[in-house]
């Protein structure tokens, strides 16, 4: 059975980008830029998909922060000084923090939670989140696009070797899931 990786990327690339950028954006955004360079996806579509995923992910984390932020942040005993500094920065310069949080190492996931717990108004966060996501998506997709010049020749050579490896990884994941569910089923029966 032959799978056309390029066809899969072209068909599901934008959806995969949105989903990937909800959780962990930089890698997916860079790869989306490479795919745009290869002509598998459109540059504008990649930017919009990455932007949408970034916005959705940060909005969700913002609302988690509004609802559960103090409980979550109180459990981060080692980082209380950083959380305090972040809260001061949010009060002084919310624009810079909201837009910049996605660029700060270690703040990609916790940043929106801190912002949500700081009681920044949701509309203000949304507007700043859209601006930040637009800058972030355009920057990383562009980097991926230009890196595509370097990476593309290697990808074509690796493509033939990666397909069997991807099938092997998929089979291993499937086997681990089957094993997990069988053990869980046996554990429940023994109780």
C-alpha atoms as a PDB file:
ATOM      1  CA  UNK A   1       0.000   0.000   0.000  1.00  0.00           C
ATOM      2  CA  UNK A   2       1.427   3.361  -1.038  1.00  0.00           C
ATOM      3  CA  UNK A   3       0.592   6.524   0.889  1.00  0.00           C
ATOM      4  CA  UNK A   4       1.173   9.834  -0.817  1.00  0.00           C
ATOM      5  CA  UNK A   5       2.583  11.963   2.020  1.00  0.00           C
ATOM      6  CA  UNK A   6       2.358  15.105  -0.123  1.00  0.00           C
ATOM      7  CA  UNK A   7      -1.311  14.419  -0.801  1.00  0.00           C
ATOM      8  CA  UNK A   8      -1.988  13.886   2.896  1.00  0.00           C
ATOM      9  CA  UNK A   9      -0.235  17.159   3.745  1.00  0.00           C
ATOM     10  CA  UNK A  10      -2.128  19.004   1.020  1.00  0.00           C
ATOM     11  CA  UNK A  11      -5.457  17.529   2.155  1.00  0.00           C
ATOM     12  CA  UNK A  12      -5.082  17.735   5.947  1.00  0.00           C
ATOM     13  CA  UNK A  13      -2.224  20.201   6.341  1.00  0.00           C
ATOM     14  CA  UNK A  14      -4.246  23.213   7.433  1.00  0.00           C
ATOM     15  CA  UNK A  15      -6.334  21.240   9.926  1.00  0.00           C
ATOM     16  CA  UNK A  16      -3.185  19.586  11.291  1.00  0.00           C
ATOM     17  CA  UNK A  17      -1.576  23.017  11.619  1.00  0.00           C
ATOM     18  CA  UNK A  18      -4.501  24.426  13.574  1.00  0.00           C
ATOM     19  CA  UNK A  19      -4.540  21.435  15.922  1.00  0.00           C
ATOM     20  CA  UNK A  20      -0.746  21.397  16.271  1.00  0.00           C
ATOM     21  CA  UNK A  21      -0.585  25.115  16.968  1.00  0.00           C
ATOM     22  CA  UNK A  22      -3.210  24.843  19.693  1.00  0.00           C
ATOM     23  CA  UNK A  23      -0.825  22.757  21.763  1.00  0.00           C
ATOM     24  CA  UNK A  24       2.707  23.344  20.533  1.00  0.00           C
ATOM     25  CA  UNK A  25       3.061  25.841  17.797  1.00  0.00           C
ATOM     26  CA  UNK A  26       6.606  26.536  16.745  1.00  0.00           C
ATOM     27  CA  UNK A  27       7.417  23.134  15.292  1.00  0.00           C
ATOM     28  CA  UNK A  28       4.150  22.897  13.361  1.00  0.00           C
ATOM     29  CA  UNK A  29       4.432  26.486  12.163  1.00  0.00           C
ATOM     30  CA  UNK A  30       7.964  25.979  10.897  1.00  0.00           C
ATOM     31  CA  UNK A  31       6.968  22.736   9.156  1.00  0.00           C
ATOM     32  CA  UNK A  32       3.978  24.524   7.637  1.00  0.00           C
ATOM     33  CA  UNK A  33       6.378  27.107   6.230  1.00  0.00           C
ATOM     34  CA  UNK A  34       8.484  24.329   4.719  1.00  0.00           C
ATOM     35  CA  UNK A  35       5.337  22.780   3.193  1.00  0.00           C
ATOM     36  CA  UNK A  36       4.419  26.184   1.737  1.00  0.00           C
ATOM     37  CA  UNK A  37       7.890  26.438   0.232  1.00  0.00           C
ATOM     38  CA  UNK A  38       7.413  23.038  -1.380  1.00  0.00           C
ATOM     39  CA  UNK A  39       4.096  24.168  -2.841  1.00  0.00           C
ATOM     40  CA  UNK A  40       2.073  21.660  -0.824  1.00  0.00           C
ATOM     41  CA  UNK A  41       0.227  24.414   1.054  1.00  0.00           C
ATOM     42  CA  UNK A  42      -0.357  28.099   0.392  1.00  0.00           C
ATOM     43  CA  UNK A  43       1.734  30.526   2.418  1.00  0.00           C
ATOM     44  CA  UNK A  44      -1.285  32.648   3.403  1.00  0.00           C
ATOM     45  CA  UNK A  45      -3.267  29.570   4.415  1.00  0.00           C
ATOM     46  CA  UNK A  46      -0.399  28.343   6.585  1.00  0.00           C
ATOM     47  CA  UNK A  47      -0.149  31.745   8.307  1.00  0.00           C
ATOM     48  CA  UNK A  48      -3.911  31.843   8.913  1.00  0.00           C
ATOM     49  CA  UNK A  49      -4.025  28.235  10.180  1.00  0.00           C
ATOM     50  CA  UNK A  50      -1.081  28.802  12.535  1.00  0.00           C
ATOM     51  CA  UNK A  51      -2.621  32.043  13.709  1.00  0.00           C
ATOM     52  CA  UNK A  52      -5.996  30.363  14.349  1.00  0.00           C
ATOM     53  CA  UNK A  53      -4.375  27.544  16.327  1.00  0.00           C
ATOM     54  CA  UNK A  54      -2.337  30.009  18.379  1.00  0.00           C
ATOM     55  CA  UNK A  55      -5.389  32.127  19.141  1.00  0.00           C
ATOM     56  CA  UNK A  56      -7.565  29.149  20.101  1.00  0.00           C
ATOM     57  CA  UNK A  57      -4.892  27.606  22.333  1.00  0.00           C
ATOM     58  CA  UNK A  58      -4.140  30.832  24.173  1.00  0.00           C
ATOM     59  CA  UNK A  59      -7.829  31.707  24.545  1.00  0.00           C
ATOM     60  CA  UNK A  60      -8.495  28.306  26.112  1.00  0.00           C
ATOM     61  CA  UNK A  61      -5.550  28.701  28.497  1.00  0.00           C
ATOM     62  CA  UNK A  62      -6.637  32.264  29.312  1.00  0.00           C
ATOM     63  CA  UNK A  63     -10.067  31.019  30.405  1.00  0.00           C
ATOM     64  CA  UNK A  64      -8.462  28.179  32.364  1.00  0.00           C
ATOM     65  CA  UNK A  65      -6.428  30.884  34.088  1.00  0.00           C
ATOM     66  CA  UNK A  66      -9.511  32.975  34.823  1.00  0.00           C
ATOM     67  CA  UNK A  67     -11.295  29.986  36.334  1.00  0.00           C
ATOM     68  CA  UNK A  68      -8.510  27.938  37.974  1.00  0.00           C
ATOM     69  CA  UNK A  69      -5.423  30.138  37.651  1.00  0.00           C
ATOM     70  CA  UNK A  70      -4.772  30.844  41.317  1.00  0.00           C
ATOM     71  CA  UNK A  71      -5.097  27.150  42.199  1.00  0.00           C
ATOM     72  CA  UNK A  72      -2.783  26.119  39.374  1.00  0.00           C
ATOM     73  CA  UNK A  73      -0.214  28.836  40.026  1.00  0.00           C
ATOM     74  CA  UNK A  74      -0.170  28.240  43.800  1.00  0.00           C
ATOM     75  CA  UNK A  75       1.069  24.705  43.118  1.00  0.00           C
ATOM     76  CA  UNK A  76       4.104  26.028  41.255  1.00  0.00           C
ATOM     77  CA  UNK A  77       6.127  26.663  44.406  1.00  0.00           C
ATOM     78  CA  UNK A  78       9.510  26.925  42.681  1.00  0.00           C
ATOM     79  CA  UNK A  79       8.319  29.591  40.261  1.00  0.00           C
ATOM     80  CA  UNK A  80       6.457  32.001  42.545  1.00  0.00           C
ATOM     81  CA  UNK A  81       9.052  34.753  42.030  1.00  0.00           C
ATOM     82  CA  UNK A  82       8.695  34.494  38.226  1.00  0.00           C
ATOM     83  CA  UNK A  83       4.905  34.448  38.502  1.00  0.00           C
ATOM     84  CA  UNK A  84       5.034  37.559  40.694  1.00  0.00           C
ATOM     85  CA  UNK A  85       7.269  39.344  38.182  1.00  0.00           C
ATOM     86  CA  UNK A  86       4.955  38.333  35.361  1.00  0.00           C
ATOM     87  CA  UNK A  87       1.928  39.710  37.235  1.00  0.00           C
ATOM     88  CA  UNK A  88       3.728  43.023  37.786  1.00  0.00           C
ATOM     89  CA  UNK A  89       4.566  43.203  34.100  1.00  0.00           C
ATOM     90  CA  UNK A  90       0.963  42.418  33.139  1.00  0.00           C
ATOM     91  CA  UNK A  91      -0.273  45.258  35.349  1.00  0.00           C
ATOM     92  CA  UNK A  92       2.291  47.729  33.952  1.00  0.00           C
ATOM     93  CA  UNK A  93       2.435  46.692  30.304  1.00  0.00           C
ATOM     94  CA  UNK A  94      -0.282  44.152  29.476  1.00  0.00           C
ATOM     95  CA  UNK A  95       0.183  44.759  25.743  1.00  0.00           C
ATOM     96  CA  UNK A  96       3.841  43.745  25.815  1.00  0.00           C
ATOM     97  CA  UNK A  97       3.273  40.720  28.005  1.00  0.00           C
ATOM     98  CA  UNK A  98       0.297  39.318  26.089  1.00  0.00           C
ATOM     99  CA  UNK A  99       1.962  39.772  22.705  1.00  0.00           C
ATOM    100  CA  UNK A 100       5.383  38.701  23.954  1.00  0.00           C
ATOM    101  CA  UNK A 101       4.385  35.703  26.102  1.00  0.00           C
ATOM    102  CA  UNK A 102       4.292  33.393  23.095  1.00  0.00           C
ATOM    103  CA  UNK A 103       7.890  34.364  22.315  1.00  0.00           C
ATOM    104  CA  UNK A 104       9.192  33.889  25.886  1.00  0.00           C
ATOM    105  CA  UNK A 105      10.818  30.568  26.636  1.00  0.00           C
ATOM    106  CA  UNK A 106       8.886  28.771  29.354  1.00  0.00           C
ATOM    107  CA  UNK A 107       5.824  31.025  29.111  1.00  0.00           C
ATOM    108  CA  UNK A 108       4.162  29.560  26.021  1.00  0.00           C
ATOM    109  CA  UNK A 109       1.661  27.512  28.035  1.00  0.00           C
ATOM    110  CA  UNK A 110       1.739  29.105  31.461  1.00  0.00           C
ATOM    111  CA  UNK A 111       1.709  32.707  30.187  1.00  0.00           C
ATOM    112  CA  UNK A 112      -1.971  32.777  29.199  1.00  0.00           C
ATOM    113  CA  UNK A 113      -2.878  31.103  32.501  1.00  0.00           C
ATOM    114  CA  UNK A 114      -1.029  33.845  34.416  1.00  0.00           C
ATOM    115  CA  UNK A 115      -2.720  36.484  32.260  1.00  0.00           C
ATOM    116  CA  UNK A 116      -6.135  34.920  32.877  1.00  0.00           C
ATOM    117  CA  UNK A 117      -5.574  34.859  36.622  1.00  0.00           C
ATOM    118  CA  UNK A 118      -4.527  38.528  36.564  1.00  0.00           C
ATOM    119  CA  UNK A 119      -8.096  39.543  35.687  1.00  0.00           C
ATOM    120  CA  UNK A 120      -7.174  41.238  32.428  1.00  0.00           C
ATOM    121  CA  UNK A 121     -10.406  41.950  30.575  1.00  0.00           C
ATOM    122  CA  UNK A 122     -11.262  39.158  28.101  1.00  0.00           C
ATOM    123  CA  UNK A 123     -11.850  41.532  25.176  1.00  0.00           C
ATOM    124  CA  UNK A 124      -8.495  43.233  25.702  1.00  0.00           C
ATOM    125  CA  UNK A 125      -6.783  39.845  25.903  1.00  0.00           C
ATOM    126  CA  UNK A 126      -8.533  38.662  22.741  1.00  0.00           C
ATOM    127  CA  UNK A 127      -7.442  41.712  20.718  1.00  0.00           C
ATOM    128  CA  UNK A 128      -3.852  41.469  21.964  1.00  0.00           C
ATOM    129  CA  UNK A 129      -3.892  37.702  21.445  1.00  0.00           C
ATOM    130  CA  UNK A 130      -4.914  38.154  17.793  1.00  0.00           C
ATOM    131  CA  UNK A 131      -2.139  40.712  17.240  1.00  0.00           C
ATOM    132  CA  UNK A 132       0.440  38.503  18.943  1.00  0.00           C
ATOM    133  CA  UNK A 133      -0.683  35.409  17.035  1.00  0.00           C
ATOM    134  CA  UNK A 134      -0.488  37.292  13.726  1.00  0.00           C
ATOM    135  CA  UNK A 135       3.081  38.445  14.402  1.00  0.00           C
ATOM    136  CA  UNK A 136       4.113  35.021  15.703  1.00  0.00           C
ATOM    137  CA  UNK A 137       2.553  33.076  12.821  1.00  0.00           C
ATOM    138  CA  UNK A 138       3.960  35.358  10.141  1.00  0.00           C
ATOM    139  CA  UNK A 139       7.442  35.243  11.674  1.00  0.00           C
ATOM    140  CA  UNK A 140       7.670  31.472  12.158  1.00  0.00           C
ATOM    141  CA  UNK A 141       5.988  30.551   8.877  1.00  0.00           C
ATOM    142  CA  UNK A 142       8.376  32.889   7.059  1.00  0.00           C
ATOM    143  CA  UNK A 143      11.370  31.309   8.805  1.00  0.00           C
ATOM    144  CA  UNK A 144      10.062  27.859   7.864  1.00  0.00           C
ATOM    145  CA  UNK A 145       9.435  28.999   4.307  1.00  0.00           C
ATOM    146  CA  UNK A 146      13.012  30.211   3.833  1.00  0.00           C
ATOM    147  CA  UNK A 147      14.406  27.210   5.718  1.00  0.00           C
ATOM    148  CA  UNK A 148      12.522  25.110   3.181  1.00  0.00           C
ATOM    149  CA  UNK A 149      15.177  26.007   0.624  1.00  0.00           C
ATOM    150  CA  UNK A 150      17.730  24.217   2.758  1.00  0.00           C
ATOM    151  CA  UNK A 151      15.508  21.402   4.011  1.00  0.00           C
ATOM    152  CA  UNK A 152      13.545  20.507   0.865  1.00  0.00           C
ATOM    153  CA  UNK A 153      16.339  18.654  -0.992  1.00  0.00           C
ATOM    154  CA  UNK A 154      16.951  16.529   2.118  1.00  0.00           C
ATOM    155  CA  UNK A 155      13.250  15.821   2.617  1.00  0.00           C
ATOM    156  CA  UNK A 156      12.916  14.324  -0.841  1.00  0.00           C
ATOM    157  CA  UNK A 157      15.829  11.971  -0.134  1.00  0.00           C
ATOM    158  CA  UNK A 158      14.506  11.075   3.316  1.00  0.00           C
ATOM    159  CA  UNK A 159      10.931  10.630   2.103  1.00  0.00           C
ATOM    160  CA  UNK A 160      11.602   7.143   0.760  1.00  0.00           C
ATOM    161  CA  UNK A 161      13.297   6.097   4.011  1.00  0.00           C
ATOM    162  CA  UNK A 162      10.762   7.768   6.302  1.00  0.00           C
ATOM    163  CA  UNK A 163       7.644   6.030   4.992  1.00  0.00           C
ATOM    164  CA  UNK A 164       8.636   2.588   6.333  1.00  0.00           C
ATOM    165  CA  UNK A 165       9.767   4.232   9.571  1.00  0.00           C
ATOM    166  CA  UNK A 166       6.429   6.031   9.952  1.00  0.00           C
ATOM    167  CA  UNK A 167       4.576   2.740   9.463  1.00  0.00           C
ATOM    168  CA  UNK A 168       6.836   1.110  12.049  1.00  0.00           C
ATOM    169  CA  UNK A 169       6.186   3.914  14.558  1.00  0.00           C
ATOM    170  CA  UNK A 170       2.442   3.724  13.885  1.00  0.00           C
ATOM    171  CA  UNK A 171       2.483  -0.048  14.424  1.00  0.00           C
ATOM    172  CA  UNK A 172       4.454   0.349  17.669  1.00  0.00           C
ATOM    173  CA  UNK A 173       2.007   2.972  18.967  1.00  0.00           C
ATOM    174  CA  UNK A 174      -0.915   0.742  18.040  1.00  0.00           C
ATOM    175  CA  UNK A 175       0.682  -2.215  19.849  1.00  0.00           C
ATOM    176  CA  UNK A 176       1.303  -0.091  22.963  1.00  0.00           C
ATOM    177  CA  UNK A 177      -2.315   1.095  22.955  1.00  0.00           C
ATOM    178  CA  UNK A 178      -3.618  -2.456  22.622  1.00  0.00           C
ATOM    179  CA  UNK A 179      -1.352  -3.555  25.478  1.00  0.00           C
ATOM    180  CA  UNK A 180      -2.513  -0.635  27.630  1.00  0.00           C
ATOM    181  CA  UNK A 181      -6.195  -1.418  27.098  1.00  0.00           C
ATOM    182  CA  UNK A 182      -5.704  -5.144  27.705  1.00  0.00           C
ATOM    183  CA  UNK A 183      -3.894  -4.442  30.988  1.00  0.00           C
ATOM    184  CA  UNK A 184      -6.566  -1.973  32.005  1.00  0.00           C
ATOM    185  CA  UNK A 185      -9.279  -4.502  31.189  1.00  0.00           C
ATOM    186  CA  UNK A 186      -7.470  -7.219  33.202  1.00  0.00           C
ATOM    187  CA  UNK A 187      -6.963  -4.817  36.102  1.00  0.00           C
ATOM    188  CA  UNK A 188     -10.664  -3.951  36.195  1.00  0.00           C
ATOM    189  CA  UNK A 189     -11.676  -7.612  36.061  1.00  0.00           C
ATOM    190  CA  UNK A 190      -9.366  -8.503  38.958  1.00  0.00           C
ATOM    191  CA  UNK A 191     -10.877  -5.862  41.261  1.00  0.00           C
END
